[in-house]
Amino acid sequence: MPLAGMTIKASAAARASLEDAMRGIDGVIAPRFGAGTEHLLLIAFNADKTRPADLLAAVRQSGHQAQLVGL
């Protein structure tokens, strides 16, 4: 299962909303911000259904500045 990582600065409410929005994308399995790494969004996804670039675009379209980070 591939992982995409993105750095994002957002409030707790915005992080929760973003996790919910990412769950609505076909192919996303588990998006989550970790405790102690509130700036890092990790997304487990099905590579047959979506790509990291598509996930990044969805985050940016939601109004957040983000960039992909290597894992």
PDB file of N, CA and C in Angstrom:
ATOM      1  N   MET A   1       0.856  -1.166   0.000  1.00  0.00           N
ATOM      2  CA  MET A   1       0.000   0.000   0.000  1.00  0.00           C
ATOM      3  C   MET A   1       0.902   1.229   0.000  1.00  0.00           C
ATOM      4  N   PRO A   2       0.844   2.029  -1.051  1.00  0.00           N
ATOM      5  CA  PRO A   2       1.664   3.241  -1.118  1.00  0.00           C
ATOM      6  C   PRO A   2       1.210   4.288  -0.107  1.00  0.00           C
ATOM      7  N   LEU A   3       2.161   5.138   0.289  1.00  0.00           N
ATOM      8  CA  LEU A   3       1.883   6.269   1.168  1.00  0.00           C
ATOM      9  C   LEU A   3       2.299   7.548   0.473  1.00  0.00           C
ATOM     10  N   ALA A   4       1.509   8.583   0.643  1.00  0.00           N
ATOM     11  CA  ALA A   4       1.876   9.925   0.213  1.00  0.00           C
ATOM     12  C   ALA A   4       2.003  10.756   1.480  1.00  0.00           C
ATOM     13  N   GLY A   5       3.028  11.562   1.579  1.00  0.00           N
ATOM     14  CA  GLY A   5       3.202  12.448   2.721  1.00  0.00           C
ATOM     15  C   GLY A   5       3.200  13.890   2.254  1.00  0.00           C
ATOM     16  N   MET A   6       2.523  14.757   3.002  1.00  0.00           N
ATOM     17  CA  MET A   6       2.459  16.183   2.683  1.00  0.00           C
ATOM     18  C   MET A   6       2.646  16.994   3.941  1.00  0.00           C
ATOM     19  N   THR A   7       3.355  18.100   3.807  1.00  0.00           N
ATOM     20  CA  THR A   7       3.456  19.022   4.933  1.00  0.00           C
ATOM     21  C   THR A   7       2.406  20.105   4.748  1.00  0.00           C
ATOM     22  N   ILE A   8       1.675  20.368   5.821  1.00  0.00           N
ATOM     23  CA  ILE A   8       0.555  21.308   5.797  1.00  0.00           C
ATOM     24  C   ILE A   8       0.487  22.003   7.141  1.00  0.00           C
ATOM     25  N   LYS A   9       0.293  23.312   7.127  1.00  0.00           N
ATOM     26  CA  LYS A   9       0.043  24.043   8.361  1.00  0.00           C
ATOM     27  C   LYS A   9      -1.447  24.320   8.431  1.00  0.00           C
ATOM     28  N   ALA A  10      -2.116  23.799   9.476  1.00  0.00           N
ATOM     29  CA  ALA A  10      -3.558  23.981   9.605  1.00  0.00           C
ATOM     30  C   ALA A  10      -3.962  23.806  11.064  1.00  0.00           C
ATOM     31  N   SER A  11      -5.083  24.410  11.412  1.00  0.00           N
ATOM     32  CA  SER A  11      -5.622  24.276  12.762  1.00  0.00           C
ATOM     33  C   SER A  11      -6.156  22.855  12.949  1.00  0.00           C
ATOM     34  N   ALA A  12      -6.448  22.500  14.188  1.00  0.00           N
ATOM     35  CA  ALA A  12      -6.981  21.166  14.483  1.00  0.00           C
ATOM     36  C   ALA A  12      -8.289  20.918  13.733  1.00  0.00           C
ATOM     37  N   ALA A  13      -9.164  21.909  13.703  1.00  0.00           N
ATOM     38  CA  ALA A  13     -10.444  21.753  13.003  1.00  0.00           C
ATOM     39  C   ALA A  13     -10.218  21.588  11.501  1.00  0.00           C
ATOM     40  N   ALA A  14      -9.297  22.356  10.951  1.00  0.00           N
ATOM     41  CA  ALA A  14      -8.995  22.261   9.521  1.00  0.00           C
ATOM     42  C   ALA A  14      -8.370  20.908   9.192  1.00  0.00           C
ATOM     43  N   ARG A  15      -7.531  20.386  10.090  1.00  0.00           N
ATOM     44  CA  ARG A  15      -6.935  19.065   9.855  1.00  0.00           C
ATOM     45  C   ARG A  15      -8.012  17.984   9.832  1.00  0.00           C
ATOM     46  N   ALA A  16      -8.947  18.041  10.768  1.00  0.00           N
ATOM     47  CA  ALA A  16     -10.034  17.052  10.812  1.00  0.00           C
ATOM     48  C   ALA A  16     -10.891  17.141   9.554  1.00  0.00           C
ATOM     49  N   SER A  17     -11.189  18.350   9.128  1.00  0.00           N
ATOM     50  CA  SER A  17     -11.985  18.552   7.925  1.00  0.00           C
ATOM     51  C   SER A  17     -11.253  18.029   6.693  1.00  0.00           C
ATOM     52  N   LEU A  18      -9.966  18.262   6.640  1.00  0.00           N
ATOM     53  CA  LEU A  18      -9.169  17.801   5.506  1.00  0.00           C
ATOM     54  C   LEU A  18      -9.099  16.272   5.469  1.00  0.00           C
ATOM     55  N   GLU A  19      -8.942  15.640   6.633  1.00  0.00           N
ATOM     56  CA  GLU A  19      -8.949  14.172   6.676  1.00  0.00           C
ATOM     57  C   GLU A  19     -10.281  13.640   6.135  1.00  0.00           C
ATOM     58  N   ASP A  20     -11.388  14.250   6.545  1.00  0.00           N
ATOM     59  CA  ASP A  20     -12.713  13.829   6.067  1.00  0.00           C
ATOM     60  C   ASP A  20     -12.820  14.001   4.552  1.00  0.00           C
ATOM     61  N   ALA A  21     -12.352  15.119   4.046  1.00  0.00           N
ATOM     62  CA  ALA A  21     -12.417  15.373   2.608  1.00  0.00           C
ATOM     63  C   ALA A  21     -11.581  14.365   1.827  1.00  0.00           C
ATOM     64  N   MET A  22     -10.416  14.019   2.353  1.00  0.00           N
ATOM     65  CA  MET A  22      -9.553  13.065   1.662  1.00  0.00           C
ATOM     66  C   MET A  22     -10.189  11.673   1.628  1.00  0.00           C
ATOM     67  N   ARG A  23     -10.933  11.319   2.660  1.00  0.00           N
ATOM     68  CA  ARG A  23     -11.612  10.011   2.684  1.00  0.00           C
ATOM     69  C   ARG A  23     -12.633   9.888   1.553  1.00  0.00           C
ATOM     70  N   GLY A  24     -13.111  11.011   1.058  1.00  0.00           N
ATOM     71  CA  GLY A  24     -14.096  11.000  -0.022  1.00  0.00           C
ATOM     72  C   GLY A  24     -13.494  10.793  -1.403  1.00  0.00           C
ATOM     73  N   ILE A  25     -12.179  10.730  -1.506  1.00  0.00           N
ATOM     74  CA  ILE A  25     -11.514  10.548  -2.795  1.00  0.00           C
ATOM     75  C   ILE A  25     -11.368   9.062  -3.075  1.00  0.00           C
ATOM     76  N   ASP A  26     -11.810   8.644  -4.251  1.00  0.00           N
ATOM     77  CA  ASP A  26     -11.707   7.247  -4.643  1.00  0.00           C
ATOM     78  C   ASP A  26     -10.244   6.800  -4.613  1.00  0.00           C
ATOM     79  N   GLY A  27      -9.976   5.742  -3.911  1.00  0.00           N
ATOM     80  CA  GLY A  27      -8.623   5.210  -3.815  1.00  0.00           C
ATOM     81  C   GLY A  27      -7.923   5.543  -2.514  1.00  0.00           C
ATOM     82  N   VAL A  28      -8.430   6.530  -1.772  1.00  0.00           N
ATOM     83  CA  VAL A  28      -7.815   6.876  -0.489  1.00  0.00           C
ATOM     84  C   VAL A  28      -8.274   5.859   0.552  1.00  0.00           C
ATOM     85  N   ILE A  29      -7.309   5.273   1.240  1.00  0.00           N
ATOM     86  CA  ILE A  29      -7.602   4.243   2.233  1.00  0.00           C
ATOM     87  C   ILE A  29      -7.601   4.833   3.636  1.00  0.00           C
ATOM     88  N   ALA A  30      -6.558   5.596   3.973  1.00  0.00           N
ATOM     89  CA  ALA A  30      -6.450   6.116   5.336  1.00  0.00           C
ATOM     90  C   ALA A  30      -5.622   7.400   5.360  1.00  0.00           C
ATOM     91  N   PRO A  31      -6.277   8.564   5.427  1.00  0.00           N
ATOM     92  CA  PRO A  31      -5.547   9.817   5.602  1.00  0.00           C
ATOM     93  C   PRO A  31      -5.459  10.144   7.087  1.00  0.00           C
ATOM     94  N   ARG A  32      -4.299  10.605   7.528  1.00  0.00           N
ATOM     95  CA  ARG A  32      -4.262  11.002   8.947  1.00  0.00           C
ATOM     96  C   ARG A  32      -3.049  11.860   9.280  1.00  0.00           C
ATOM     97  N   PHE A  33      -3.315  12.800  10.163  1.00  0.00           N
ATOM     98  CA  PHE A  33      -2.260  13.586  10.788  1.00  0.00           C
ATOM     99  C   PHE A  33      -1.881  12.838  12.055  1.00  0.00           C
ATOM    100  N   GLY A  34      -0.613  12.687  12.340  1.00  0.00           N
ATOM    101  CA  GLY A  34      -0.194  11.965  13.529  1.00  0.00           C
ATOM    102  C   GLY A  34      -0.003  12.888  14.717  1.00  0.00           C
ATOM    103  N   ALA A  35      -0.181  12.334  15.901  1.00  0.00           N
ATOM    104  CA  ALA A  35       0.090  13.085  17.126  1.00  0.00           C
ATOM    105  C   ALA A  35       1.579  13.396  17.176  1.00  0.00           C
ATOM    106  N   GLY A  36       1.897  14.622  17.458  1.00  0.00           N
ATOM    107  CA  GLY A  36       3.292  15.041  17.507  1.00  0.00           C
ATOM    108  C   GLY A  36       3.851  15.440  16.156  1.00  0.00           C
ATOM    109  N   THR A  37       3.103  15.148  15.087  1.00  0.00           N
ATOM    110  CA  THR A  37       3.508  15.561  13.734  1.00  0.00           C
ATOM    111  C   THR A  37       2.310  16.201  13.037  1.00  0.00           C
ATOM    112  N   GLU A  38       1.723  17.173  13.713  1.00  0.00           N
ATOM    113  CA  GLU A  38       0.489  17.790  13.225  1.00  0.00           C
ATOM    114  C   GLU A  38       0.650  18.472  11.872  1.00  0.00           C
ATOM    115  N   HIS A  39       1.877  18.697  11.446  1.00  0.00           N
ATOM    116  CA  HIS A  39       2.117  19.340  10.152  1.00  0.00           C
ATOM    117  C   HIS A  39       2.224  18.320   9.017  1.00  0.00           C
ATOM    118  N   LEU A  40       2.245  17.020   9.345  1.00  0.00           N
ATOM    119  CA  LEU A  40       2.470  15.976   8.349  1.00  0.00           C
ATOM    120  C   LEU A  40       1.217  15.135   8.139  1.00  0.00           C
ATOM    121  N   LEU A  41       0.687  15.184   6.929  1.00  0.00           N
ATOM    122  CA  LEU A  41      -0.472  14.370   6.556  1.00  0.00           C
ATOM    123  C   LEU A  41       0.041  13.164   5.783  1.00  0.00           C
ATOM    124  N   LEU A  42      -0.214  11.974   6.301  1.00  0.00           N
ATOM    125  CA  LEU A  42       0.123  10.736   5.611  1.00  0.00           C
ATOM    126  C   LEU A  42      -1.155  10.141   5.046  1.00  0.00           C
ATOM    127  N   ILE A  43      -1.089   9.711   3.807  1.00  0.00           N
ATOM    128  CA  ILE A  43      -2.267   9.158   3.150  1.00  0.00           C
ATOM    129  C   ILE A  43      -1.901   7.808   2.548  1.00  0.00           C
ATOM    130  N   ALA A  44      -2.539   6.765   3.037  1.00  0.00           N
ATOM    131  CA  ALA A  44      -2.415   5.448   2.416  1.00  0.00           C
ATOM    132  C   ALA A  44      -3.440   5.411   1.292  1.00  0.00           C
ATOM    133  N   PHE A  45      -3.009   4.938   0.109  1.00  0.00           N
ATOM    134  CA  PHE A  45      -3.911   4.969  -1.031  1.00  0.00           C
ATOM    135  C   PHE A  45      -3.672   3.783  -1.961  1.00  0.00           C
ATOM    136  N   ASN A  46      -4.650   3.534  -2.814  1.00  0.00           N
ATOM    137  CA  ASN A  46      -4.578   2.500  -3.828  1.00  0.00           C
ATOM    138  C   ASN A  46      -4.023   3.153  -5.092  1.00  0.00           C
ATOM    139  N   ALA A  47      -2.827   2.752  -5.491  1.00  0.00           N
ATOM    140  CA  ALA A  47      -2.154   3.363  -6.638  1.00  0.00           C
ATOM    141  C   ALA A  47      -2.858   3.069  -7.963  1.00  0.00           C
ATOM    142  N   ASP A  48      -3.755   2.095  -7.983  1.00  0.00           N
ATOM    143  CA  ASP A  48      -4.515   1.813  -9.200  1.00  0.00           C
ATOM    144  C   ASP A  48      -5.662   2.803  -9.391  1.00  0.00           C
ATOM    145  N   LYS A  49      -5.986   3.549  -8.329  1.00  0.00           N
ATOM    146  CA  LYS A  49      -7.133   4.465  -8.392  1.00  0.00           C
ATOM    147  C   LYS A  49      -6.768   5.940  -8.296  1.00  0.00           C
ATOM    148  N   THR A  50      -5.633   6.267  -7.722  1.00  0.00           N
ATOM    149  CA  THR A  50      -5.236   7.673  -7.586  1.00  0.00           C
ATOM    150  C   THR A  50      -3.720   7.770  -7.515  1.00  0.00           C
ATOM    151  N   ARG A  51      -3.216   8.989  -7.663  1.00  0.00           N
ATOM    152  CA  ARG A  51      -1.772   9.240  -7.633  1.00  0.00           C
ATOM    153  C   ARG A  51      -1.467  10.320  -6.601  1.00  0.00           C
ATOM    154  N   PRO A  52      -0.224  10.354  -6.110  1.00  0.00           N
ATOM    155  CA  PRO A  52       0.147  11.403  -5.153  1.00  0.00           C
ATOM    156  C   PRO A  52      -0.125  12.817  -5.680  1.00  0.00           C
ATOM    157  N   ALA A  53       0.127  13.046  -6.949  1.00  0.00           N
ATOM    158  CA  ALA A  53      -0.121  14.378  -7.515  1.00  0.00           C
ATOM    159  C   ALA A  53      -1.596  14.748  -7.446  1.00  0.00           C
ATOM    160  N   ASP A  54      -2.481  13.770  -7.632  1.00  0.00           N
ATOM    161  CA  ASP A  54      -3.925  14.028  -7.530  1.00  0.00           C
ATOM    162  C   ASP A  54      -4.313  14.367  -6.095  1.00  0.00           C
ATOM    163  N   LEU A  55      -3.696  13.666  -5.144  1.00  0.00           N
ATOM    164  CA  LEU A  55      -3.984  13.935  -3.731  1.00  0.00           C
ATOM    165  C   LEU A  55      -3.506  15.327  -3.343  1.00  0.00           C
ATOM    166  N   LEU A  56      -2.323  15.699  -3.808  1.00  0.00           N
ATOM    167  CA  LEU A  56      -1.796  17.037  -3.541  1.00  0.00           C
ATOM    168  C   LEU A  56      -2.717  18.094  -4.136  1.00  0.00           C
ATOM    169  N   ALA A  57      -3.174  17.867  -5.359  1.00  0.00           N
ATOM    170  CA  ALA A  57      -4.085  18.824  -6.000  1.00  0.00           C
ATOM    171  C   ALA A  57      -5.368  18.980  -5.194  1.00  0.00           C
ATOM    172  N   ALA A  58      -5.892  17.882  -4.657  1.00  0.00           N
ATOM    173  CA  ALA A  58      -7.122  17.952  -3.853  1.00  0.00           C
ATOM    174  C   ALA A  58      -6.898  18.763  -2.583  1.00  0.00           C
ATOM    175  N   VAL A  59      -5.754  18.594  -1.953  1.00  0.00           N
ATOM    176  CA  VAL A  59      -5.438  19.370  -0.747  1.00  0.00           C
ATOM    177  C   VAL A  59      -5.345  20.846  -1.094  1.00  0.00           C
ATOM    178  N   ARG A  60      -4.657  21.154  -2.163  1.00  0.00           N
ATOM    179  CA  ARG A  60      -4.517  22.560  -2.569  1.00  0.00           C
ATOM    180  C   ARG A  60      -5.856  23.167  -2.958  1.00  0.00           C
ATOM    181  N   GLN A  61      -6.714  22.391  -3.616  1.00  0.00           N
ATOM    182  CA  GLN A  61      -8.036  22.895  -4.002  1.00  0.00           C
ATOM    183  C   GLN A  61      -8.904  23.179  -2.782  1.00  0.00           C
ATOM    184  N   SER A  62      -8.597  22.533  -1.668  1.00  0.00           N
ATOM    185  CA  SER A  62      -9.359  22.793  -0.447  1.00  0.00           C
ATOM    186  C   SER A  62      -8.876  24.056   0.258  1.00  0.00           C
ATOM    187  N   GLY A  63      -7.881  24.722  -0.315  1.00  0.00           N
ATOM    188  CA  GLY A  63      -7.424  26.000   0.216  1.00  0.00           C
ATOM    189  C   GLY A  63      -6.168  25.932   1.061  1.00  0.00           C
ATOM    190  N   HIS A  64      -5.531  24.781   1.127  1.00  0.00           N
ATOM    191  CA  HIS A  64      -4.314  24.637   1.924  1.00  0.00           C
ATOM    192  C   HIS A  64      -3.088  24.698   1.040  1.00  0.00           C
ATOM    193  N   GLN A  65      -2.017  25.249   1.584  1.00  0.00           N
ATOM    194  CA  GLN A  65      -0.731  25.166   0.918  1.00  0.00           C
ATOM    195  C   GLN A  65      -0.084  23.877   1.396  1.00  0.00           C
ATOM    196  N   ALA A  66       0.422  23.097   0.466  1.00  0.00           N
ATOM    197  CA  ALA A  66       1.012  21.812   0.817  1.00  0.00           C
ATOM    198  C   ALA A  66       2.087  21.454  -0.207  1.00  0.00           C
ATOM    199  N   GLN A  67       2.952  20.567   0.214  1.00  0.00           N
ATOM    200  CA  GLN A  67       3.919  20.014  -0.715  1.00  0.00           C
ATOM    201  C   GLN A  67       4.152  18.554  -0.376  1.00  0.00           C
ATOM    202  N   LEU A  68       4.426  17.753  -1.394  1.00  0.00           N
ATOM    203  CA  LEU A  68       4.718  16.335  -1.171  1.00  0.00           C
ATOM    204  C   LEU A  68       6.099  16.211  -0.541  1.00  0.00           C
ATOM    205  N   VAL A  69       6.242  15.262   0.336  1.00  0.00           N
ATOM    206  CA  VAL A  69       7.535  14.978   0.948  1.00  0.00           C
ATOM    207  C   VAL A  69       7.860  13.509   0.694  1.00  0.00           C
ATOM    208  N   GLY A  70       9.135  13.209   0.570  1.00  0.00           N
ATOM    209  CA  GLY A  70       9.559  11.831   0.336  1.00  0.00           C
ATOM    210  C   GLY A  70       9.439  10.996   1.588  1.00  0.00           C
ATOM    211  N   LEU A  71       9.099   9.745   1.402  1.00  0.00           N
ATOM    212  CA  LEU A  71       8.970   8.817   2.527  1.00  0.00           C
ATOM    213  C   LEU A  71       9.980   7.717   2.390  1.00  0.00           C
TER     214      LEU A  71
END
